[in-house]
Structures are given as C-alpha cells and as structure tokens.
C-alpha atoms as a PDB file:
ATOM      1  CA  MET A   1      38.679 -22.537  19.030  1.00  0.00           C
ATOM      2  CA  SER A   2      41.419 -21.785  21.519  1.00  0.00           C
ATOM      3  CA  SER A   3      41.146 -18.040  22.138  1.00  0.00           C
ATOM      4  CA  PRO A   4      38.019 -15.970  22.818  1.00  0.00           C
ATOM      5  CA  THR A   5      36.788 -13.357  20.362  1.00  0.00           C
ATOM      6  CA  ALA A   6      36.831  -9.640  21.166  1.00  0.00           C
ATOM      7  CA  MET A   7      33.029  -9.579  21.159  1.00  0.00           C
ATOM      8  CA  PRO A   8      31.380 -10.441  24.517  1.00  0.00           C
ATOM      9  CA  ALA A   9      30.585 -14.139  24.947  1.00  0.00           C
ATOM     10  CA  CYS A  10      26.862 -14.309  24.274  1.00  0.00           C
ATOM     11  CA  LEU A  11      24.167 -16.026  22.234  1.00  0.00           C
ATOM     12  CA  TYR A  12      22.742 -13.395  19.865  1.00  0.00           C
ATOM     13  CA  ILE A  13      19.318 -14.092  18.331  1.00  0.00           C
ATOM     14  CA  VAL A  14      19.544 -12.181  15.053  1.00  0.00           C
ATOM     15  CA  ALA A  15      16.572 -11.334  12.815  1.00  0.00           C
ATOM     16  CA  THR A  16      17.129 -11.292   9.046  1.00  0.00           C
ATOM     17  CA  PRO A  17      14.884 -10.024   6.196  1.00  0.00           C
ATOM     18  CA  ILE A  18      11.748 -11.952   5.168  1.00  0.00           C
ATOM     19  CA  GLY A  19      12.046 -10.786   1.573  1.00  0.00           C
ATOM     20  CA  ASN A  20      13.347  -7.273   1.051  1.00  0.00           C
ATOM     21  CA  LEU A  21      17.071  -7.207   1.780  1.00  0.00           C
ATOM     22  CA  SER A  22      16.840  -3.517   2.686  1.00  0.00           C
ATOM     23  CA  ASP A  23      15.159  -4.619   5.923  1.00  0.00           C
ATOM     24  CA  MET A  24      18.472  -5.957   7.251  1.00  0.00           C
ATOM     25  CA  THR A  25      19.481  -3.695  10.141  1.00  0.00           C
ATOM     26  CA  PRO A  26      22.970  -2.205  10.559  1.00  0.00           C
ATOM     27  CA  HIS A  27      23.047  -3.704  14.062  1.00  0.00           C
ATOM     28  CA  ALA A  28      22.441  -7.205  12.683  1.00  0.00           C
ATOM     29  CA  ILE A  29      25.167  -6.790  10.058  1.00  0.00           C
ATOM     30  CA  ASP A  30      27.632  -5.545  12.673  1.00  0.00           C
ATOM     31  CA  VAL A  31      26.939  -8.462  15.019  1.00  0.00           C
ATOM     32  CA  LEU A  32      27.173 -11.077  12.258  1.00  0.00           C
ATOM     33  CA  LYS A  33      30.505  -9.652  11.144  1.00  0.00           C
ATOM     34  CA  GLN A  34      31.978  -9.824  14.641  1.00  0.00           C
ATOM     35  CA  VAL A  35      30.736 -13.099  16.122  1.00  0.00           C
ATOM     36  CA  ALA A  36      32.927 -16.184  16.081  1.00  0.00           C
ATOM     37  CA  ILE A  37      30.138 -18.521  14.974  1.00  0.00           C
ATOM     38  CA  ILE A  38      26.893 -18.087  13.020  1.00  0.00           C
ATOM     39  CA  ALA A  39      24.436 -20.943  13.577  1.00  0.00           C
ATOM     40  CA  CYS A  40      21.827 -21.228  10.805  1.00  0.00           C
ATOM     41  CA  GLU A  41      19.187 -23.570   9.389  1.00  0.00           C
ATOM     42  CA  ASP A  42      20.715 -23.938   5.913  1.00  0.00           C
ATOM     43  CA  THR A  43      24.313 -22.926   5.303  1.00  0.00           C
ATOM     44  CA  ARG A  44      23.727 -22.439   1.575  1.00  0.00           C
ATOM     45  CA  THR A  45      20.723 -20.131   2.019  1.00  0.00           C
ATOM     46  CA  SER A  46      22.372 -18.117   4.780  1.00  0.00           C
ATOM     47  CA  GLY A  47      25.682 -18.075   2.920  1.00  0.00           C
ATOM     48  CA  LYS A  48      24.072 -16.133   0.063  1.00  0.00           C
ATOM     49  CA  LEU A  49      22.533 -13.607   2.477  1.00  0.00           C
ATOM     50  CA  LEU A  50      25.788 -13.092   4.353  1.00  0.00           C
ATOM     51  CA  SER A  51      27.743 -12.735   1.122  1.00  0.00           C
ATOM     52  CA  HIS A  52      25.346 -10.012  -0.039  1.00  0.00           C
ATOM     53  CA  PHE A  53      26.214  -7.952   3.034  1.00  0.00           C
ATOM     54  CA  GLY A  54      29.940  -8.644   2.831  1.00  0.00           C
ATOM     55  CA  ILE A  55      29.965 -10.807   5.960  1.00  0.00           C
ATOM     56  CA  ASN A  56      32.973 -13.123   5.938  1.00  0.00           C
ATOM     57  CA  THR A  57      32.172 -16.710   6.922  1.00  0.00           C
ATOM     58  CA  LYS A  58      35.741 -17.972   6.777  1.00  0.00           C
ATOM     59  CA  GLY A  59      36.988 -16.548  10.032  1.00  0.00           C
ATOM     60  CA  ASN A  60      39.070 -13.495  10.843  1.00  0.00           C
ATOM     61  CA  LYS A  61      41.957 -12.949   8.428  1.00  0.00           C
ATOM     62  CA  SER A  62      43.879 -11.026  11.061  1.00  0.00           C
ATOM     63  CA  ASP A  63      43.922 -14.088  13.285  1.00  0.00           C
ATOM     64  CA  ASP A  64      45.258 -16.546  10.718  1.00  0.00           C
ATOM     65  CA  THR A  65      47.811 -17.915  13.143  1.00  0.00           C
ATOM     66  CA  GLU A  66      45.357 -18.740  15.916  1.00  0.00           C
ATOM     67  CA  GLU A  67      44.220 -22.276  16.443  1.00  0.00           C
ATOM     68  CA  VAL A  68      40.475 -22.811  16.243  1.00  0.00           C
ATOM     69  CA  THR A  69      38.157 -25.723  16.614  1.00  0.00           C
ATOM     70  CA  ALA A  70      37.193 -27.197  13.271  1.00  0.00           C
ATOM     71  CA  HIS A  71      34.385 -29.330  11.966  1.00  0.00           C
ATOM     72  CA  ASN A  72      34.729 -32.829  10.554  1.00  0.00           C
ATOM     73  CA  ASN A  73      31.853 -32.501   8.094  1.00  0.00           C
ATOM     74  CA  LYS A  74      32.328 -29.497   5.806  1.00  0.00           C
ATOM     75  CA  ASN A  75      28.911 -29.981   4.231  1.00  0.00           C
ATOM     76  CA  ASP A  76      26.851 -29.221   7.337  1.00  0.00           C
ATOM     77  CA  ALA A  77      29.488 -27.633   9.564  1.00  0.00           C
ATOM     78  CA  ASP A  78      28.888 -30.036  12.477  1.00  0.00           C
ATOM     79  CA  LEU A  79      31.646 -29.196  14.913  1.00  0.00           C
ATOM     80  CA  ASP A  80      34.221 -31.599  16.318  1.00  0.00           C
ATOM     81  CA  THR A  81      35.538 -29.837  19.407  1.00  0.00           C
ATOM     82  CA  ASP A  82      38.406 -32.314  19.732  1.00  0.00           C
ATOM     83  CA  SER A  83      40.167 -31.279  16.527  1.00  0.00           C
ATOM     84  CA  THR A  84      41.864 -27.982  15.686  1.00  0.00           C
ATOM     85  CA  VAL A  85      43.135 -26.305  12.553  1.00  0.00           C
ATOM     86  CA  LYS A  86      44.679 -22.960  11.789  1.00  0.00           C
ATOM     87  CA  GLN A  87      42.225 -20.028  11.653  1.00  0.00           C
ATOM     88  CA  LYS A  88      42.855 -19.646   7.936  1.00  0.00           C
ATOM     89  CA  GLY A  89      39.996 -21.486   6.212  1.00  0.00           C
ATOM     90  CA  HIS A  90      37.952 -21.857   9.422  1.00  0.00           C
ATOM     91  CA  ASN A  91      34.242 -21.906   8.613  1.00  0.00           C
ATOM     92  CA  LYS A  92      32.291 -19.862  11.145  1.00  0.00           C
ATOM     93  CA  LEU A  93      28.940 -20.821   9.556  1.00  0.00           C
ATOM     94  CA  TRP A  94      27.471 -23.841  11.334  1.00  0.00           C
ATOM     95  CA  ALA A  95      24.303 -25.738  10.471  1.00  0.00           C
ATOM     96  CA  TYR A  96      21.767 -25.778  13.301  1.00  0.00           C
ATOM     97  CA  HIS A  97      18.396 -27.367  12.587  1.00  0.00           C
ATOM     98  CA  GLU A  98      15.868 -29.800  14.063  1.00  0.00           C
ATOM     99  CA  HIS A  99      17.796 -32.829  12.834  1.00  0.00           C
ATOM    100  CA  ASN A 100      21.114 -31.969  14.511  1.00  0.00           C
ATOM    101  CA  SER A 101      20.088 -29.707  17.404  1.00  0.00           C
ATOM    102  CA  ALA A 102      20.583 -32.430  20.027  1.00  0.00           C
ATOM    103  CA  ILE A 103      24.239 -32.734  18.980  1.00  0.00           C
ATOM    104  CA  GLN A 104      24.980 -29.097  18.186  1.00  0.00           C
ATOM    105  CA  THR A 105      23.352 -27.470  21.211  1.00  0.00           C
ATOM    106  CA  PRO A 106      25.869 -28.610  23.876  1.00  0.00           C
ATOM    107  CA  LYS A 107      28.781 -27.831  21.531  1.00  0.00           C
ATOM    108  CA  ILE A 108      27.584 -24.284  20.946  1.00  0.00           C
ATOM    109  CA  ILE A 109      26.985 -23.717  24.657  1.00  0.00           C
ATOM    110  CA  GLU A 110      30.489 -25.013  25.366  1.00  0.00           C
ATOM    111  CA  MET A 111      31.964 -22.543  22.877  1.00  0.00           C
ATOM    112  CA  ILE A 112      30.156 -19.616  24.518  1.00  0.00           C
ATOM    113  CA  GLU A 113      31.311 -20.760  27.963  1.00  0.00           C
ATOM    114  CA  GLN A 114      34.871 -20.707  26.596  1.00  0.00           C
ATOM    115  CA  GLY A 115      34.420 -17.028  25.738  1.00  0.00           C
ATOM    116  CA  HIS A 116      33.242 -17.086  22.125  1.00  0.00           C
ATOM    117  CA  SER A 117      30.288 -15.214  20.667  1.00  0.00           C
ATOM    118  CA  VAL A 118      27.563 -17.020  18.688  1.00  0.00           C
ATOM    119  CA  ALA A 119      24.735 -15.668  16.523  1.00  0.00           C
ATOM    120  CA  LEU A 120      21.645 -17.705  15.695  1.00  0.00           C
ATOM    121  CA  ILE A 121      19.792 -16.863  12.467  1.00  0.00           C
ATOM    122  CA  SER A 122      16.974 -18.557  10.555  1.00  0.00           C
ATOM    123  CA  ASP A 123      16.406 -18.761   6.799  1.00  0.00           C
ATOM    124  CA  ALA A 124      14.256 -15.623   7.039  1.00  0.00           C
ATOM    125  CA  GLY A 125      12.799 -13.435   9.776  1.00  0.00           C
ATOM    126  CA  THR A 126      13.187 -13.731  13.529  1.00  0.00           C
ATOM    127  CA  PRO A 127      14.573 -17.066  14.802  1.00  0.00           C
ATOM    128  CA  LEU A 128      12.332 -19.310  16.927  1.00  0.00           C
ATOM    129  CA  ILE A 129       9.120 -18.019  15.289  1.00  0.00           C
ATOM    130  CA  SER A 130       8.153 -21.325  13.641  1.00  0.00           C
ATOM    131  CA  ASP A 131      11.876 -22.003  13.251  1.00  0.00           C
ATOM    132  CA  PRO A 132      14.448 -24.108  15.137  1.00  0.00           C
ATOM    133  CA  GLY A 133      16.340 -22.657  18.086  1.00  0.00           C
ATOM    134  CA  TYR A 134      14.166 -23.129  21.154  1.00  0.00           C
ATOM    135  CA  GLN A 135      16.421 -25.877  22.524  1.00  0.00           C
ATOM    136  CA  LEU A 136      19.522 -23.719  22.129  1.00  0.00           C
ATOM    137  CA  VAL A 137      18.022 -20.716  23.921  1.00  0.00           C
ATOM    138  CA  GLN A 138      16.661 -22.951  26.688  1.00  0.00           C
ATOM    139  CA  ALA A 139      20.084 -24.555  27.132  1.00  0.00           C
ATOM    140  CA  ALA A 140      21.743 -21.126  27.225  1.00  0.00           C
ATOM    141  CA  HIS A 141      19.485 -19.977  30.056  1.00  0.00           C
ATOM    142  CA  ALA A 142      20.047 -23.244  31.917  1.00  0.00           C
ATOM    143  CA  ALA A 143      23.817 -22.767  31.628  1.00  0.00           C
ATOM    144  CA  GLY A 144      23.693 -19.152  32.746  1.00  0.00           C
ATOM    145  CA  VAL A 145      24.759 -17.939  29.308  1.00  0.00           C
ATOM    146  CA  ARG A 146      23.649 -14.460  28.269  1.00  0.00           C
ATOM    147  CA  VAL A 147      21.072 -14.305  25.442  1.00  0.00           C
ATOM    148  CA  SER A 148      20.528 -11.056  23.528  1.00  0.00           C
ATOM    149  CA  PRO A 149      17.984 -10.249  20.772  1.00  0.00           C
ATOM    150  CA  ILE A 150      19.005  -8.345  17.651  1.00  0.00           C
ATOM    151  CA  ILE A 151      15.557  -7.332  16.467  1.00  0.00           C
ATOM    152  CA  GLY A 152      14.221  -7.052  12.933  1.00  0.00           C
ATOM    153  CA  ALA A 153      11.651  -8.522  10.548  1.00  0.00           C
ATOM    154  CA  SER A 154       8.951 -10.991  11.571  1.00  0.00           C
ATOM    155  CA  ALA A 155       6.297 -12.160   9.097  1.00  0.00           C
ATOM    156  CA  ALA A 156       3.727 -12.685  11.862  1.00  0.00           C
ATOM    157  CA  ILE A 157       4.008  -9.148  13.256  1.00  0.00           C
ATOM    158  CA  ALA A 158       4.242  -7.621   9.776  1.00  0.00           C
ATOM    159  CA  ALA A 159       0.990  -9.366   8.814  1.00  0.00           C
ATOM    160  CA  LEU A 160      -0.746  -8.297  12.019  1.00  0.00           C
ATOM    161  CA  SER A 161       0.284  -4.682  11.412  1.00  0.00           C
ATOM    162  CA  VAL A 162      -1.530  -4.550   8.049  1.00  0.00           C
ATOM    163  CA  ALA A 163      -4.437  -6.904   8.843  1.00  0.00           C
ATOM    164  CA  GLY A 164      -6.911  -4.290  10.020  1.00  0.00           C
ATOM    165  CA  LEU A 165      -7.993  -6.606  12.840  1.00  0.00           C
ATOM    166  CA  PRO A 166      -7.762  -6.056  16.617  1.00  0.00           C
ATOM    167  CA  SER A 167      -4.117  -6.181  17.670  1.00  0.00           C
ATOM    168  CA  ASP A 168      -4.425  -5.579  21.416  1.00  0.00           C
ATOM    169  CA  ARG A 169      -4.747  -9.334  21.974  1.00  0.00           C
ATOM    170  CA  PHE A 170      -3.495 -11.980  19.576  1.00  0.00           C
ATOM    171  CA  SER A 171      -2.146 -15.526  19.520  1.00  0.00           C
ATOM    172  CA  PHE A 172       0.475 -16.882  17.150  1.00  0.00           C
ATOM    173  CA  ILE A 173      -0.621 -20.397  16.156  1.00  0.00           C
ATOM    174  CA  GLY A 174       1.937 -21.077  13.427  1.00  0.00           C
ATOM    175  CA  PHE A 175       1.453 -24.034  11.088  1.00  0.00           C
ATOM    176  CA  LEU A 176      -1.639 -26.210  11.436  1.00  0.00           C
ATOM    177  CA  PRO A 177      -1.350 -30.028  11.257  1.00  0.00           C
ATOM    178  CA  ALA A 178      -0.862 -31.319   7.723  1.00  0.00           C
ATOM    179  CA  LYS A 179      -3.620 -33.935   7.877  1.00  0.00           C
ATOM    180  CA  THR A 180      -7.269 -32.935   7.664  1.00  0.00           C
ATOM    181  CA  HIS A 181      -8.411 -34.603  10.891  1.00  0.00           C
ATOM    182  CA  GLY A 182      -5.647 -33.049  12.983  1.00  0.00           C
ATOM    183  CA  ARG A 183      -6.130 -29.654  11.362  1.00  0.00           C
ATOM    184  CA  GLN A 184      -9.894 -29.607  11.954  1.00  0.00           C
ATOM    185  CA  LYS A 185      -9.428 -30.764  15.531  1.00  0.00           C
ATOM    186  CA  GLN A 186      -7.021 -27.908  16.289  1.00  0.00           C
ATOM    187  CA  LEU A 187      -9.279 -25.368  14.590  1.00  0.00           C
ATOM    188  CA  ALA A 188     -12.212 -26.645  16.641  1.00  0.00           C
ATOM    189  CA  ALA A 189     -10.224 -26.027  19.813  1.00  0.00           C
ATOM    190  CA  LEU A 190      -9.580 -22.449  18.612  1.00  0.00           C
ATOM    191  CA  HIS A 191     -13.129 -21.737  17.479  1.00  0.00           C
ATOM    192  CA  SER A 192     -14.289 -19.741  20.516  1.00  0.00           C
ATOM    193  CA  ARG A 193     -11.049 -17.854  21.125  1.00  0.00           C
ATOM    194  CA  THR A 194     -11.804 -14.146  21.055  1.00  0.00           C
ATOM    195  CA  GLU A 195      -8.316 -12.830  20.296  1.00  0.00           C
ATOM    196  CA  THR A 196      -6.928 -12.415  16.761  1.00  0.00           C
ATOM    197  CA  LEU A 197      -5.259 -15.613  15.510  1.00  0.00           C
ATOM    198  CA  ILE A 198      -2.131 -15.707  13.319  1.00  0.00           C
ATOM    199  CA  PHE A 199      -1.381 -18.741  11.168  1.00  0.00           C
ATOM    200  CA  TYR A 200       1.431 -19.703   8.806  1.00  0.00           C
ATOM    201  CA  GLU A 201       0.591 -22.097   5.974  1.00  0.00           C
ATOM    202  CA  ALA A 202       2.396 -23.921   3.189  1.00  0.00           C
ATOM    203  CA  PRO A 203       1.302 -23.136  -0.398  1.00  0.00           C
ATOM    204  CA  HIS A 204       0.247 -26.706  -1.185  1.00  0.00           C
ATOM    205  CA  ARG A 205      -2.096 -26.796   1.833  1.00  0.00           C
ATOM    206  CA  ILE A 206      -3.498 -23.257   1.757  1.00  0.00           C
ATOM    207  CA  ILE A 207      -6.820 -24.057   0.038  1.00  0.00           C
ATOM    208  CA  ALA A 208      -7.543 -27.047   2.279  1.00  0.00           C
ATOM    209  CA  SER A 209      -6.686 -25.036   5.391  1.00  0.00           C
ATOM    210  CA  LEU A 210      -8.860 -22.086   4.379  1.00  0.00           C
ATOM    211  CA  GLU A 211     -11.756 -24.408   3.594  1.00  0.00           C
ATOM    212  CA  ASP A 212     -11.418 -25.996   7.029  1.00  0.00           C
ATOM    213  CA  MET A 213     -11.286 -22.558   8.662  1.00  0.00           C
ATOM    214  CA  ALA A 214     -14.460 -21.524   6.832  1.00  0.00           C
ATOM    215  CA  THR A 215     -16.186 -24.716   7.950  1.00  0.00           C
ATOM    216  CA  VAL A 216     -15.153 -24.524  11.610  1.00  0.00           C
ATOM    217  CA  PHE A 217     -15.045 -20.744  12.188  1.00  0.00           C
ATOM    218  CA  GLY A 218     -17.857 -19.855   9.800  1.00  0.00           C
ATOM    219  CA  ALA A 219     -17.661 -18.436   6.280  1.00  0.00           C
ATOM    220  CA  GLU A 220     -18.363 -14.891   7.519  1.00  0.00           C
ATOM    221  CA  ARG A 221     -15.430 -14.719   9.960  1.00  0.00           C
ATOM    222  CA  GLU A 222     -13.137 -11.825   9.026  1.00  0.00           C
ATOM    223  CA  VAL A 223      -9.660 -12.664   7.777  1.00  0.00           C
ATOM    224  CA  THR A 224      -6.649 -10.968   6.190  1.00  0.00           C
ATOM    225  CA  PHE A 225      -4.555 -12.992   3.755  1.00  0.00           C
ATOM    226  CA  CYS A 226      -0.893 -11.922   3.537  1.00  0.00           C
ATOM    227  CA  ARG A 227       1.441 -13.427   0.953  1.00  0.00           C
ATOM    228  CA  GLU A 228       5.054 -12.647   0.046  1.00  0.00           C
ATOM    229  CA  LEU A 229       5.205  -9.690   2.433  1.00  0.00           C
ATOM    230  CA  THR A 230       7.883  -7.083   1.573  1.00  0.00           C
ATOM    231  CA  LYS A 231       8.489  -8.778  -1.807  1.00  0.00           C
ATOM    232  CA  THR A 232       7.669  -7.564  -5.325  1.00  0.00           C
ATOM    233  CA  PHE A 233       4.400  -9.492  -5.698  1.00  0.00           C
ATOM    234  CA  GLU A 234       3.070  -8.871  -2.203  1.00  0.00           C
ATOM    235  CA  THR A 235      -0.609  -9.621  -1.450  1.00  0.00           C
ATOM    236  CA  VAL A 236      -2.658  -8.171   1.424  1.00  0.00           C
ATOM    237  CA  ASN A 237      -6.335  -9.120   1.076  1.00  0.00           C
ATOM    238  CA  LYS A 238      -8.898  -8.405   3.825  1.00  0.00           C
ATOM    239  CA  SER A 239     -12.062 -10.420   3.371  1.00  0.00           C
ATOM    240  CA  THR A 240     -14.166 -13.166   4.924  1.00  0.00           C
ATOM    241  CA  LEU A 241     -13.104 -16.791   5.048  1.00  0.00           C
ATOM    242  CA  GLY A 242     -15.776 -17.828   2.541  1.00  0.00           C
ATOM    243  CA  ALA A 243     -14.762 -15.165   0.036  1.00  0.00           C
ATOM    244  CA  LEU A 244     -11.065 -15.791   0.608  1.00  0.00           C
ATOM    245  CA  VAL A 245     -11.388 -19.458  -0.334  1.00  0.00           C
ATOM    246  CA  GLU A 246     -12.779 -18.427  -3.728  1.00  0.00           C
ATOM    247  CA  PHE A 247     -10.148 -15.699  -4.161  1.00  0.00           C
ATOM    248  CA  VAL A 248      -7.255 -18.120  -3.614  1.00  0.00           C
ATOM    249  CA  LYS A 249      -8.825 -20.862  -5.749  1.00  0.00           C
ATOM    250  CA  ALA A 250      -9.281 -18.446  -8.654  1.00  0.00           C
ATOM    251  CA  ASP A 251      -5.635 -17.319  -8.773  1.00  0.00           C
ATOM    252  CA  ASP A 252      -2.811 -19.848  -8.848  1.00  0.00           C
ATOM    253  CA  ASN A 253      -0.346 -17.111  -7.881  1.00  0.00           C
ATOM    254  CA  GLN A 254      -2.030 -16.850  -4.470  1.00  0.00           C
ATOM    255  CA  GLN A 255      -1.083 -20.471  -3.878  1.00  0.00           C
ATOM    256  CA  ARG A 256       2.647 -19.717  -4.004  1.00  0.00           C
ATOM    257  CA  GLY A 257       5.209 -18.181  -1.664  1.00  0.00           C
ATOM    258  CA  GLU A 258       5.244 -17.401   2.052  1.00  0.00           C
ATOM    259  CA  ILE A 259       1.725 -17.133   3.472  1.00  0.00           C
ATOM    260  CA  VAL A 260       0.360 -15.647   6.711  1.00  0.00           C
ATOM    261  CA  VAL A 261      -3.361 -15.853   7.526  1.00  0.00           C
ATOM    262  CA  VAL A 262      -4.677 -13.482  10.200  1.00  0.00           C
ATOM    263  CA  VAL A 263      -8.149 -14.468  11.459  1.00  0.00           C
ATOM    264  CA  ALA A 264     -10.457 -12.345  13.606  1.00  0.00           C
ATOM    265  CA  GLY A 265     -11.369 -13.692  17.019  1.00  0.00           C
ATOM    266  CA  ALA A 266     -14.801 -15.092  17.747  1.00  0.00           C
ATOM    267  CA  ASN A 267     -17.675 -12.765  18.466  1.00  0.00           C
ATOM    268  CA  VAL A 268     -19.436 -14.935  21.048  1.00  0.00           C
ATOM    269  CA  ALA A 269     -22.555 -12.787  21.274  1.00  0.00           C
ATOM    270  CA  GLN A 270     -22.994 -12.822  17.508  1.00  0.00           C
ATOM    271  CA  ASP A 271     -22.503 -16.591  17.370  1.00  0.00           C
ATOM    272  CA  ASP A 272     -25.310 -17.135  19.882  1.00  0.00           C
ATOM    273  CA  ASP A 273     -27.705 -14.758  18.072  1.00  0.00           C
ATOM    274  CA  ASP A 274     -27.195 -16.168  14.582  1.00  0.00           C
ATOM    275  CA  ILE A 275     -26.789 -19.923  14.721  1.00  0.00           C
ATOM    276  CA  SER A 276     -27.099 -20.137  10.946  1.00  0.00           C
ATOM    277  CA  ILE A 277     -23.461 -19.061  10.612  1.00  0.00           C
ATOM    278  CA  HIS A 278     -22.635 -22.635  11.692  1.00  0.00           C
ATOM    279  CA  ASP A 279     -24.795 -24.275   9.011  1.00  0.00           C
ATOM    280  CA  LYS A 280     -21.870 -25.586   6.997  1.00  0.00           C
ATOM    281  CA  LEU A 281     -20.418 -27.290  10.073  1.00  0.00           C
ATOM    282  CA  LEU A 282     -23.813 -28.669  11.108  1.00  0.00           C
ATOM    283  CA  GLN A 283     -24.507 -30.037   7.644  1.00  0.00           C
ATOM    284  CA  ARG A 284     -21.141 -31.768   7.603  1.00  0.00           C
ATOM    285  CA  LEU A 285     -21.782 -33.348  11.007  1.00  0.00           C
ATOM    286  CA  LEU A 286     -25.202 -34.580   9.869  1.00  0.00           C
ATOM    287  CA  GLU A 287     -23.532 -36.622   7.149  1.00  0.00           C
ATOM    288  CA  ASP A 288     -22.021 -38.946   9.772  1.00  0.00           C
ATOM    289  CA  LEU A 289     -23.918 -38.409  13.037  1.00  0.00           C
ATOM    290  CA  SER A 290     -27.410 -38.427  14.457  1.00  0.00           C
ATOM    291  CA  VAL A 291     -29.008 -35.073  15.275  1.00  0.00           C
ATOM    292  CA  LYS A 292     -28.407 -35.612  18.988  1.00  0.00           C
ATOM    293  CA  LYS A 293     -24.722 -36.489  18.595  1.00  0.00           C
ATOM    294  CA  ALA A 294     -24.179 -33.744  16.020  1.00  0.00           C
ATOM    295  CA  ALA A 295     -25.704 -31.165  18.388  1.00  0.00           C
ATOM    296  CA  ALA A 296     -23.462 -32.286  21.251  1.00  0.00           C
ATOM    297  CA  LEU A 297     -20.305 -32.176  19.146  1.00  0.00           C
ATOM    298  CA  ALA A 298     -21.223 -28.825  17.578  1.00  0.00           C
ATOM    299  CA  ALA A 299     -21.815 -27.385  21.049  1.00  0.00           C
ATOM    300  CA  ASP A 300     -18.316 -28.468  22.101  1.00  0.00           C
ATOM    301  CA  ILE A 301     -16.821 -26.897  18.978  1.00  0.00           C
ATOM    302  CA  THR A 302     -18.745 -23.631  18.856  1.00  0.00           C
ATOM    303  CA  GLY A 303     -19.625 -22.915  22.463  1.00  0.00           C
ATOM    304  CA  VAL A 304     -23.270 -22.385  21.420  1.00  0.00           C
ATOM    305  CA  LYS A 305     -25.983 -23.982  23.555  1.00  0.00           C
ATOM    306  CA  LYS A 306     -26.760 -27.576  22.565  1.00  0.00           C
ATOM    307  CA  ASN A 307     -30.547 -27.101  22.529  1.00  0.00           C
ATOM    308  CA  ALA A 308     -30.317 -24.225  20.080  1.00  0.00           C
ATOM    309  CA  LEU A 309     -28.040 -26.236  17.805  1.00  0.00           C
ATOM    310  CA  TYR A 310     -30.356 -29.251  18.067  1.00  0.00           C
ATOM    311  CA  GLN A 311     -33.272 -27.163  16.813  1.00  0.00           C
ATOM    312  CA  ARG A 312     -31.200 -25.764  13.946  1.00  0.00           C
ATOM    313  CA  LEU A 313     -30.106 -29.286  12.991  1.00  0.00           C
ATOM    314  CA  LEU A 314     -33.741 -30.378  12.798  1.00  0.00           C
ATOM    315  CA  GLU A 315     -34.475 -27.425  10.524  1.00  0.00           C
ATOM    316  CA  LEU A 316     -31.574 -28.297   8.254  1.00  0.00           C
ATOM    317  CA  GLN A 317     -32.583 -31.930   8.155  1.00  0.00           C
ATOM    318  CA  ALA A 318     -36.095 -30.968   7.067  1.00  0.00           C
ATOM    319  CA  GLU A 319     -34.914 -28.738   4.209  1.00  0.00           C
END
C-alpha cells in the first residue's frame, strides 16, 4: 500500500457482538469502515458480519487509481508486501490467527509504521479475551505504535454482570486444559482462591469440566452457568456445582453453544469448619492412595489442615 489512509495510523482493537448484532456500536462500525486493513481470525465469519453492516472489504472505491500492497494468497489474505496492484479489487480483510501470527505480525506493524490504520477483530466479542492478538499488541507497543480500544461486548464481563456473585474481585481463567489430569491439576491450584472465577468451556467438555469442578471445589460451591448470552435461547442458571452437573446432564440443549461458567471464590473459614464438603475429593483420593498420602495431597489442594483431613479420611474409610 503506497499511500497512507486519512485515518490516523493506529492499531484499533475493535469489539464485535457475541450474539445479538444490535450490540455492534456505531463507533466500531465507523472505525471498520475507515481503516485500511481489518485483521480477523476467520475471513469468512468476519466477512458476513461486515457485510451485514455495509462495511466494504474491497478497499476504497474513490482511490481506485492508487497502488496498494496485495496478498499472494487470496484464501487467507496473507500479505506480500513486495507486490502491488491497483486499489480496485484490493482486499482489506486479512486473516490473523495463531497459525500465521508469526508471519503476519511484522507485516501489519510495518503497514502501520508506513501510515496505514489497522483494526483487529475476533470472531465474536472483544479481541484478546481467549482469542489471538496478544503478539500483535505486544509488537505494536514495542515498535512505539499507538494502540486504541474500541469497546463493546465481552462474554466474560456479560456473564459476571448477571452471575449474582461478588464482582469486586475476579479472575478470568478462560478455557481449562482438555485432558482430565491437566484440568484437575489447574482446578486444584485454584481451589483456595477467594475471588470469583470466570471460565470458558467447549460444549463437548462441559459435563466433564463441571464434574471436576464439583469434585475439587466441592458440590456446594456456588456457580452461575451462562450459555448463548444475548442470543434467542440464552441460559442464566445460578446454582451449586453439584446441582448444575445434573441440570446440564438432563438437558442436551445446555451442552451446546457458547458457555461461560462463573464460580464463587472459596470461603476459607467455611472450608475449615465443615470438612465434609471435601468428601467426594477424599473418597476419590482413597481409591489410589493411603490415608496418609491422601491427607497430604488433600491438604495441598484444599488448604485445610492435614490432621483434620486425616481424621475425616479415617471416618470415610470406616463407613
């Protein structure tokens, strides 16, 4: 691209709707119409969204005579900065995802340094929240390139706002490991955290993840299950982890769509007073470990005193 756009050279981080298209902000539409390049995860998915809002992805018709940098691969819009074509037919929609970010990042930064504006969007919601883009923003800061947020929808914050759980302190965890061992290990490390925890989960793993949460956190831990937020068949269900497992198992529809799980933080005082809330975890540990080893591991996981857990393990063993 040989001449800068009228819009200030900048990397714009643009939020898009998570379901309801009415949540697209006028500011986001205006920016996406004016930037020279729109970097996105999937050009087909984003192409449909942009078309809905009348955002042209084929360049500026008024600048048909200008020379612009083109891409060699029209399928994924990977840019070749050494070749140029006329502006007419120029595709301003570029693929930017985890598989090509190492190649695309320096090219995008180079374009901004040459005076062109770039917007980064994800398939849905705010970019970088469990989406690609971290490397690009990091590179922009390192290069002294301005980065500006165009705010909008975020599934994590939307879920927190309706969860009915403390929101003064929270941690966004994102997706848990896919394999059981890794998932349980991460949950164990989170067990004693007292702030509200926000998780994303894939539909095909939701039951296994909830079962692991109930085992590690305790079946009585409060939780709010949010599915398909802002969409027609939205679910917001506040419950306990034990009850939520049964709710999701009983309804196949709850095992579909975009899912956010908001879990209450640990109540340390309550955990120490009522050790029985850890019975499911203790019983599982007893299947593979001696009472002594099970007590030590459970103490590491729960933060409860080892001696108290040891006594509870003996009681469970005797039942």
